[in-house]
Amino acid sequence: MSYVIEAIYENGVLKLDEPLPLSHQQRVKVVVDDHVSVAKRSLGMMGWKGDPNVVERMALDPEAGILGWPQL
């Protein structure tokens, strides 16, 4: 079974936002996704040389993005 749980990395330790339903000393495999936004990952494709946070804010703004477009 797979679980997706948010966590924060502090002082060399991953601290989970919620407990996992696992047995004591159960072995697991951990895959770490550093959760970089799509806007920041695709920044180079646009040729943008400015602040990546500006692009991310524009991409996530419901009035500026495609989220408000009618469904086709």
PDB file of N, CA and C in Angstrom:
ATOM      1  N   MET A   1       0.841  -1.172   0.000  1.00  0.00           N
ATOM      2  CA  MET A   1       0.000   0.000   0.000  1.00  0.00           C
ATOM      3  C   MET A   1       0.891   1.242   0.000  1.00  0.00           C
ATOM      4  N   SER A   2       0.430   2.291  -0.662  1.00  0.00           N
ATOM      5  CA  SER A   2       1.173   3.547  -0.725  1.00  0.00           C
ATOM      6  C   SER A   2       0.434   4.638   0.037  1.00  0.00           C
ATOM      7  N   TYR A   3       1.211   5.554   0.599  1.00  0.00           N
ATOM      8  CA  TYR A   3       0.657   6.704   1.308  1.00  0.00           C
ATOM      9  C   TYR A   3       1.379   7.948   0.829  1.00  0.00           C
ATOM     10  N   VAL A   4       0.679   9.047   0.707  1.00  0.00           N
ATOM     11  CA  VAL A   4       1.295  10.333   0.408  1.00  0.00           C
ATOM     12  C   VAL A   4       1.075  11.202   1.634  1.00  0.00           C
ATOM     13  N   ILE A   5       2.168  11.570   2.289  1.00  0.00           N
ATOM     14  CA  ILE A   5       2.120  12.343   3.530  1.00  0.00           C
ATOM     15  C   ILE A   5       3.071  13.523   3.383  1.00  0.00           C
ATOM     16  N   GLU A   6       2.619  14.711   3.735  1.00  0.00           N
ATOM     17  CA  GLU A   6       3.485  15.888   3.745  1.00  0.00           C
ATOM     18  C   GLU A   6       4.417  15.805   4.959  1.00  0.00           C
ATOM     19  N   ALA A   7       5.616  16.344   4.823  1.00  0.00           N
ATOM     20  CA  ALA A   7       6.585  16.340   5.915  1.00  0.00           C
ATOM     21  C   ALA A   7       7.475  17.567   5.799  1.00  0.00           C
ATOM     22  N   ILE A   8       8.169  17.858   6.875  1.00  0.00           N
ATOM     23  CA  ILE A   8       9.163  18.932   6.867  1.00  0.00           C
ATOM     24  C   ILE A   8      10.496  18.330   7.292  1.00  0.00           C
ATOM     25  N   TYR A   9      11.570  18.802   6.685  1.00  0.00           N
ATOM     26  CA  TYR A   9      12.901  18.308   6.991  1.00  0.00           C
ATOM     27  C   TYR A   9      13.561  19.270   7.965  1.00  0.00           C
ATOM     28  N   GLU A  10      13.881  18.799   9.173  1.00  0.00           N
ATOM     29  CA  GLU A  10      14.500  19.630  10.210  1.00  0.00           C
ATOM     30  C   GLU A  10      15.638  18.880  10.865  1.00  0.00           C
ATOM     31  N   ASN A  11      16.803  19.489  10.902  1.00  0.00           N
ATOM     32  CA  ASN A  11      17.953  18.919  11.615  1.00  0.00           C
ATOM     33  C   ASN A  11      18.217  17.463  11.239  1.00  0.00           C
ATOM     34  N   GLY A  12      18.141  17.153   9.954  1.00  0.00           N
ATOM     35  CA  GLY A  12      18.454  15.812   9.479  1.00  0.00           C
ATOM     36  C   GLY A  12      17.343  14.795   9.644  1.00  0.00           C
ATOM     37  N   VAL A  13      16.137  15.241  10.043  1.00  0.00           N
ATOM     38  CA  VAL A  13      15.035  14.322  10.287  1.00  0.00           C
ATOM     39  C   VAL A  13      13.796  14.785   9.531  1.00  0.00           C
ATOM     40  N   LEU A  14      13.097  13.834   8.886  1.00  0.00           N
ATOM     41  CA  LEU A  14      11.807  14.141   8.277  1.00  0.00           C
ATOM     42  C   LEU A  14      10.737  14.051   9.358  1.00  0.00           C
ATOM     43  N   LYS A  15       9.983  15.132   9.552  1.00  0.00           N
ATOM     44  CA  LYS A  15       8.907  15.148  10.540  1.00  0.00           C
ATOM     45  C   LYS A  15       7.584  15.153   9.778  1.00  0.00           C
ATOM     46  N   LEU A  16       6.839  14.063   9.913  1.00  0.00           N
ATOM     47  CA  LEU A  16       5.590  13.882   9.184  1.00  0.00           C
ATOM     48  C   LEU A  16       4.486  14.762   9.763  1.00  0.00           C
ATOM     49  N   ASP A  17       3.606  15.234   8.900  1.00  0.00           N
ATOM     50  CA  ASP A  17       2.473  16.051   9.332  1.00  0.00           C
ATOM     51  C   ASP A  17       1.403  15.218  10.030  1.00  0.00           C
ATOM     52  N   GLU A  18       1.378  13.925   9.770  1.00  0.00           N
ATOM     53  CA  GLU A  18       0.401  13.038  10.405  1.00  0.00           C
ATOM     54  C   GLU A  18       1.016  11.652  10.556  1.00  0.00           C
ATOM     55  N   PRO A  19       0.538  10.858  11.491  1.00  0.00           N
ATOM     56  CA  PRO A  19       1.111   9.521  11.696  1.00  0.00           C
ATOM     57  C   PRO A  19       0.767   8.562  10.553  1.00  0.00           C
ATOM     58  N   LEU A  20       1.599   7.563  10.393  1.00  0.00           N
ATOM     59  CA  LEU A  20       1.375   6.530   9.376  1.00  0.00           C
ATOM     60  C   LEU A  20       0.797   5.277  10.039  1.00  0.00           C
ATOM     61  N   PRO A  21      -0.089   4.568   9.343  1.00  0.00           N
ATOM     62  CA  PRO A  21      -0.662   3.339   9.900  1.00  0.00           C
ATOM     63  C   PRO A  21       0.260   2.137   9.667  1.00  0.00           C
ATOM     64  N   LEU A  22       1.420   2.145  10.328  1.00  0.00           N
ATOM     65  CA  LEU A  22       2.415   1.097  10.137  1.00  0.00           C
ATOM     66  C   LEU A  22       2.675   0.375  11.459  1.00  0.00           C
ATOM     67  N   SER A  23       3.174  -0.847  11.362  1.00  0.00           N
ATOM     68  CA  SER A  23       3.555  -1.619  12.544  1.00  0.00           C
ATOM     69  C   SER A  23       4.908  -1.136  13.059  1.00  0.00           C
ATOM     70  N   HIS A  24       5.154  -1.359  14.349  1.00  0.00           N
ATOM     71  CA  HIS A  24       6.432  -1.001  14.963  1.00  0.00           C
ATOM     72  C   HIS A  24       7.573  -1.710  14.225  1.00  0.00           C
ATOM     73  N   GLN A  25       8.595  -0.967  13.843  1.00  0.00           N
ATOM     74  CA  GLN A  25       9.793  -1.433  13.139  1.00  0.00           C
ATOM     75  C   GLN A  25       9.498  -2.015  11.753  1.00  0.00           C
ATOM     76  N   GLN A  26       8.362  -1.685  11.187  1.00  0.00           N
ATOM     77  CA  GLN A  26       8.061  -2.118   9.819  1.00  0.00           C
ATOM     78  C   GLN A  26       8.980  -1.379   8.862  1.00  0.00           C
ATOM     79  N   ARG A  27       9.582  -2.102   7.930  1.00  0.00           N
ATOM     80  CA  ARG A  27      10.469  -1.495   6.944  1.00  0.00           C
ATOM     81  C   ARG A  27       9.633  -0.901   5.825  1.00  0.00           C
ATOM     82  N   VAL A  28      10.057   0.264   5.342  1.00  0.00           N
ATOM     83  CA  VAL A  28       9.365   0.947   4.262  1.00  0.00           C
ATOM     84  C   VAL A  28      10.393   1.497   3.278  1.00  0.00           C
ATOM     85  N   LYS A  29       9.938   1.856   2.115  1.00  0.00           N
ATOM     86  CA  LYS A  29      10.765   2.524   1.108  1.00  0.00           C
ATOM     87  C   LYS A  29      10.279   3.965   1.034  1.00  0.00           C
ATOM     88  N   VAL A  30      11.195   4.925   1.080  1.00  0.00           N
ATOM     89  CA  VAL A  30      10.844   6.342   1.073  1.00  0.00           C
ATOM     90  C   VAL A  30      11.273   6.963  -0.249  1.00  0.00           C
ATOM     91  N   VAL A  31      10.353   7.661  -0.897  1.00  0.00           N
ATOM     92  CA  VAL A  31      10.635   8.418  -2.112  1.00  0.00           C
ATOM     93  C   VAL A  31      10.430   9.881  -1.755  1.00  0.00           C
ATOM     94  N   VAL A  32      11.445  10.717  -1.968  1.00  0.00           N
ATOM     95  CA  VAL A  32      11.364  12.126  -1.603  1.00  0.00           C
ATOM     96  C   VAL A  32      11.139  12.958  -2.851  1.00  0.00           C
ATOM     97  N   ASP A  33      10.078  13.747  -2.839  1.00  0.00           N
ATOM     98  CA  ASP A  33       9.759  14.695  -3.907  1.00  0.00           C
ATOM     99  C   ASP A  33       9.866  16.076  -3.276  1.00  0.00           C
ATOM    100  N   ASP A  34      10.789  16.900  -3.741  1.00  0.00           N
ATOM    101  CA  ASP A  34      11.016  18.192  -3.081  1.00  0.00           C
ATOM    102  C   ASP A  34       9.920  19.213  -3.351  1.00  0.00           C
ATOM    103  N   HIS A  35       8.876  18.825  -4.041  1.00  0.00           N
ATOM    104  CA  HIS A  35       7.657  19.621  -4.176  1.00  0.00           C
ATOM    105  C   HIS A  35       7.894  21.005  -4.798  1.00  0.00           C
ATOM    106  N   VAL A  36       8.689  21.039  -5.858  1.00  0.00           N
ATOM    107  CA  VAL A  36       8.898  22.289  -6.591  1.00  0.00           C
ATOM    108  C   VAL A  36       7.699  22.497  -7.505  1.00  0.00           C
ATOM    109  N   SER A  37       7.155  23.692  -7.504  1.00  0.00           N
ATOM    110  CA  SER A  37       5.945  23.955  -8.282  1.00  0.00           C
ATOM    111  C   SER A  37       6.199  23.810  -9.785  1.00  0.00           C
ATOM    112  N   VAL A  38       5.140  23.566 -10.517  1.00  0.00           N
ATOM    113  CA  VAL A  38       5.223  23.454 -11.972  1.00  0.00           C
ATOM    114  C   VAL A  38       5.739  24.765 -12.560  1.00  0.00           C
ATOM    115  N   ALA A  39       5.310  25.892 -11.999  1.00  0.00           N
ATOM    116  CA  ALA A  39       5.759  27.195 -12.497  1.00  0.00           C
ATOM    117  C   ALA A  39       7.278  27.318 -12.388  1.00  0.00           C
ATOM    118  N   LYS A  40       7.842  26.914 -11.265  1.00  0.00           N
ATOM    119  CA  LYS A  40       9.297  27.012 -11.090  1.00  0.00           C
ATOM    120  C   LYS A  40      10.037  25.991 -11.942  1.00  0.00           C
ATOM    121  N   ARG A  41       9.463  24.774 -12.104  1.00  0.00           N
ATOM    122  CA  ARG A  41      10.122  23.753 -12.922  1.00  0.00           C
ATOM    123  C   ARG A  41      10.158  24.142 -14.390  1.00  0.00           C
ATOM    124  N   SER A  42       9.147  24.855 -14.878  1.00  0.00           N
ATOM    125  CA  SER A  42       9.069  25.185 -16.297  1.00  0.00           C
ATOM    126  C   SER A  42       9.561  26.595 -16.606  1.00  0.00           C
ATOM    127  N   LEU A  43      10.118  27.267 -15.627  1.00  0.00           N
ATOM    128  CA  LEU A  43      10.559  28.645 -15.787  1.00  0.00           C
ATOM    129  C   LEU A  43      11.524  28.821 -16.966  1.00  0.00           C
ATOM    130  N   GLY A  44      12.485  27.937 -17.129  1.00  0.00           N
ATOM    131  CA  GLY A  44      13.472  28.054 -18.196  1.00  0.00           C
ATOM    132  C   GLY A  44      12.881  27.933 -19.584  1.00  0.00           C
ATOM    133  N   MET A  45      11.783  27.213 -19.735  1.00  0.00           N
ATOM    134  CA  MET A  45      11.155  27.051 -21.044  1.00  0.00           C
ATOM    135  C   MET A  45      10.562  28.357 -21.548  1.00  0.00           C
ATOM    136  N   MET A  46      10.194  29.245 -20.620  1.00  0.00           N
ATOM    137  CA  MET A  46       9.569  30.509 -21.011  1.00  0.00           C
ATOM    138  C   MET A  46      10.597  31.591 -21.337  1.00  0.00           C
ATOM    139  N   GLY A  47      11.835  31.366 -20.957  1.00  0.00           N
ATOM    140  CA  GLY A  47      12.852  32.384 -21.169  1.00  0.00           C
ATOM    141  C   GLY A  47      12.784  33.512 -20.148  1.00  0.00           C
ATOM    142  N   TRP A  48      12.024  33.311 -19.082  1.00  0.00           N
ATOM    143  CA  TRP A  48      11.871  34.328 -18.021  1.00  0.00           C
ATOM    144  C   TRP A  48      13.183  34.490 -17.273  1.00  0.00           C
ATOM    145  N   LYS A  49      13.634  35.725 -17.105  1.00  0.00           N
ATOM    146  CA  LYS A  49      14.882  35.991 -16.408  1.00  0.00           C
ATOM    147  C   LYS A  49      14.636  36.685 -15.066  1.00  0.00           C
ATOM    148  N   GLY A  50      13.372  36.928 -14.752  1.00  0.00           N
ATOM    149  CA  GLY A  50      13.028  37.627 -13.522  1.00  0.00           C
ATOM    150  C   GLY A  50      12.872  36.696 -12.327  1.00  0.00           C
ATOM    151  N   ASP A  51      12.172  37.185 -11.331  1.00  0.00           N
ATOM    152  CA  ASP A  51      11.953  36.478 -10.081  1.00  0.00           C
ATOM    153  C   ASP A  51      11.006  35.289 -10.304  1.00  0.00           C
ATOM    154  N   PRO A  52      11.420  34.063  -9.960  1.00  0.00           N
ATOM    155  CA  PRO A  52      10.546  32.908 -10.160  1.00  0.00           C
ATOM    156  C   PRO A  52       9.278  32.976  -9.312  1.00  0.00           C
ATOM    157  N   ASN A  53       9.316  33.688  -8.199  1.00  0.00           N
ATOM    158  CA  ASN A  53       8.126  33.811  -7.351  1.00  0.00           C
ATOM    159  C   ASN A  53       7.026  34.608  -8.047  1.00  0.00           C
ATOM    160  N   VAL A  54       7.408  35.557  -8.906  1.00  0.00           N
ATOM    161  CA  VAL A  54       6.423  36.336  -9.661  1.00  0.00           C
ATOM    162  C   VAL A  54       5.673  35.417 -10.623  1.00  0.00           C
ATOM    163  N   VAL A  55       6.397  34.561 -11.314  1.00  0.00           N
ATOM    164  CA  VAL A  55       5.777  33.625 -12.252  1.00  0.00           C
ATOM    165  C   VAL A  55       4.858  32.663 -11.505  1.00  0.00           C
ATOM    166  N   GLU A  56       5.304  32.186 -10.364  1.00  0.00           N
ATOM    167  CA  GLU A  56       4.484  31.260  -9.591  1.00  0.00           C
ATOM    168  C   GLU A  56       3.187  31.928  -9.127  1.00  0.00           C
ATOM    169  N   ARG A  57       3.278  33.174  -8.643  1.00  0.00           N
ATOM    170  CA  ARG A  57       2.075  33.896  -8.217  1.00  0.00           C
ATOM    171  C   ARG A  57       1.116  34.092  -9.389  1.00  0.00           C
ATOM    172  N   MET A  58       1.665  34.441 -10.564  1.00  0.00           N
ATOM    173  CA  MET A  58       0.811  34.620 -11.744  1.00  0.00           C
ATOM    174  C   MET A  58       0.159  33.304 -12.142  1.00  0.00           C
ATOM    175  N   ALA A  59       0.910  32.213 -12.101  1.00  0.00           N
ATOM    176  CA  ALA A  59       0.381  30.915 -12.507  1.00  0.00           C
ATOM    177  C   ALA A  59      -0.705  30.429 -11.552  1.00  0.00           C
ATOM    178  N   LEU A  60      -0.593  30.768 -10.272  1.00  0.00           N
ATOM    179  CA  LEU A  60      -1.558  30.304  -9.284  1.00  0.00           C
ATOM    180  C   LEU A  60      -2.717  31.265  -9.074  1.00  0.00           C
ATOM    181  N   ASP A  61      -2.645  32.456  -9.654  1.00  0.00           N
ATOM    182  CA  ASP A  61      -3.707  33.449  -9.503  1.00  0.00           C
ATOM    183  C   ASP A  61      -4.929  32.990 -10.300  1.00  0.00           C
ATOM    184  N   PRO A  62      -6.065  32.747  -9.629  1.00  0.00           N
ATOM    185  CA  PRO A  62      -7.242  32.246 -10.350  1.00  0.00           C
ATOM    186  C   PRO A  62      -7.761  33.208 -11.418  1.00  0.00           C
ATOM    187  N   GLU A  63      -7.497  34.494 -11.281  1.00  0.00           N
ATOM    188  CA  GLU A  63      -7.973  35.445 -12.284  1.00  0.00           C
ATOM    189  C   GLU A  63      -7.031  35.552 -13.475  1.00  0.00           C
ATOM    190  N   ALA A  64      -5.785  35.123 -13.318  1.00  0.00           N
ATOM    191  CA  ALA A  64      -4.815  35.232 -14.403  1.00  0.00           C
ATOM    192  C   ALA A  64      -4.540  33.899 -15.078  1.00  0.00           C
ATOM    193  N   GLY A  65      -4.872  32.795 -14.412  1.00  0.00           N
ATOM    194  CA  GLY A  65      -4.542  31.476 -14.934  1.00  0.00           C
ATOM    195  C   GLY A  65      -5.660  30.865 -15.742  1.00  0.00           C
ATOM    196  N   ILE A  66      -5.448  29.631 -16.144  1.00  0.00           N
ATOM    197  CA  ILE A  66      -6.430  28.914 -16.962  1.00  0.00           C
ATOM    198  C   ILE A  66      -7.478  28.210 -16.114  1.00  0.00           C
ATOM    199  N   LEU A  67      -7.333  28.253 -14.784  1.00  0.00           N
ATOM    200  CA  LEU A  67      -8.277  27.547 -13.932  1.00  0.00           C
ATOM    201  C   LEU A  67      -9.707  28.053 -14.108  1.00  0.00           C
ATOM    202  N   GLY A  68      -9.873  29.328 -14.462  1.00  0.00           N
ATOM    203  CA  GLY A  68     -11.199  29.876 -14.631  1.00  0.00           C
ATOM    204  C   GLY A  68     -11.765  29.721 -16.037  1.00  0.00           C
ATOM    205  N   TRP A  69     -10.983  29.165 -16.956  1.00  0.00           N
ATOM    206  CA  TRP A  69     -11.454  28.995 -18.329  1.00  0.00           C
ATOM    207  C   TRP A  69     -12.586  27.974 -18.369  1.00  0.00           C
ATOM    208  N   PRO A  70     -13.531  28.168 -19.296  1.00  0.00           N
ATOM    209  CA  PRO A  70     -14.614  27.188 -19.420  1.00  0.00           C
ATOM    210  C   PRO A  70     -14.079  25.841 -19.903  1.00  0.00           C
ATOM    211  N   GLN A  71     -14.717  24.783 -19.440  1.00  0.00           N
ATOM    212  CA  GLN A  71     -14.328  23.433 -19.879  1.00  0.00           C
ATOM    213  C   GLN A  71     -14.726  23.229 -21.325  1.00  0.00           C
ATOM    214  N   LEU A  72     -13.864  22.598 -22.090  1.00  0.00           N
ATOM    215  CA  LEU A  72     -14.161  22.318 -23.506  1.00  0.00           C
ATOM    216  C   LEU A  72     -14.771  20.951 -23.661  1.00  0.00           C
TER     217      LEU A  72
END
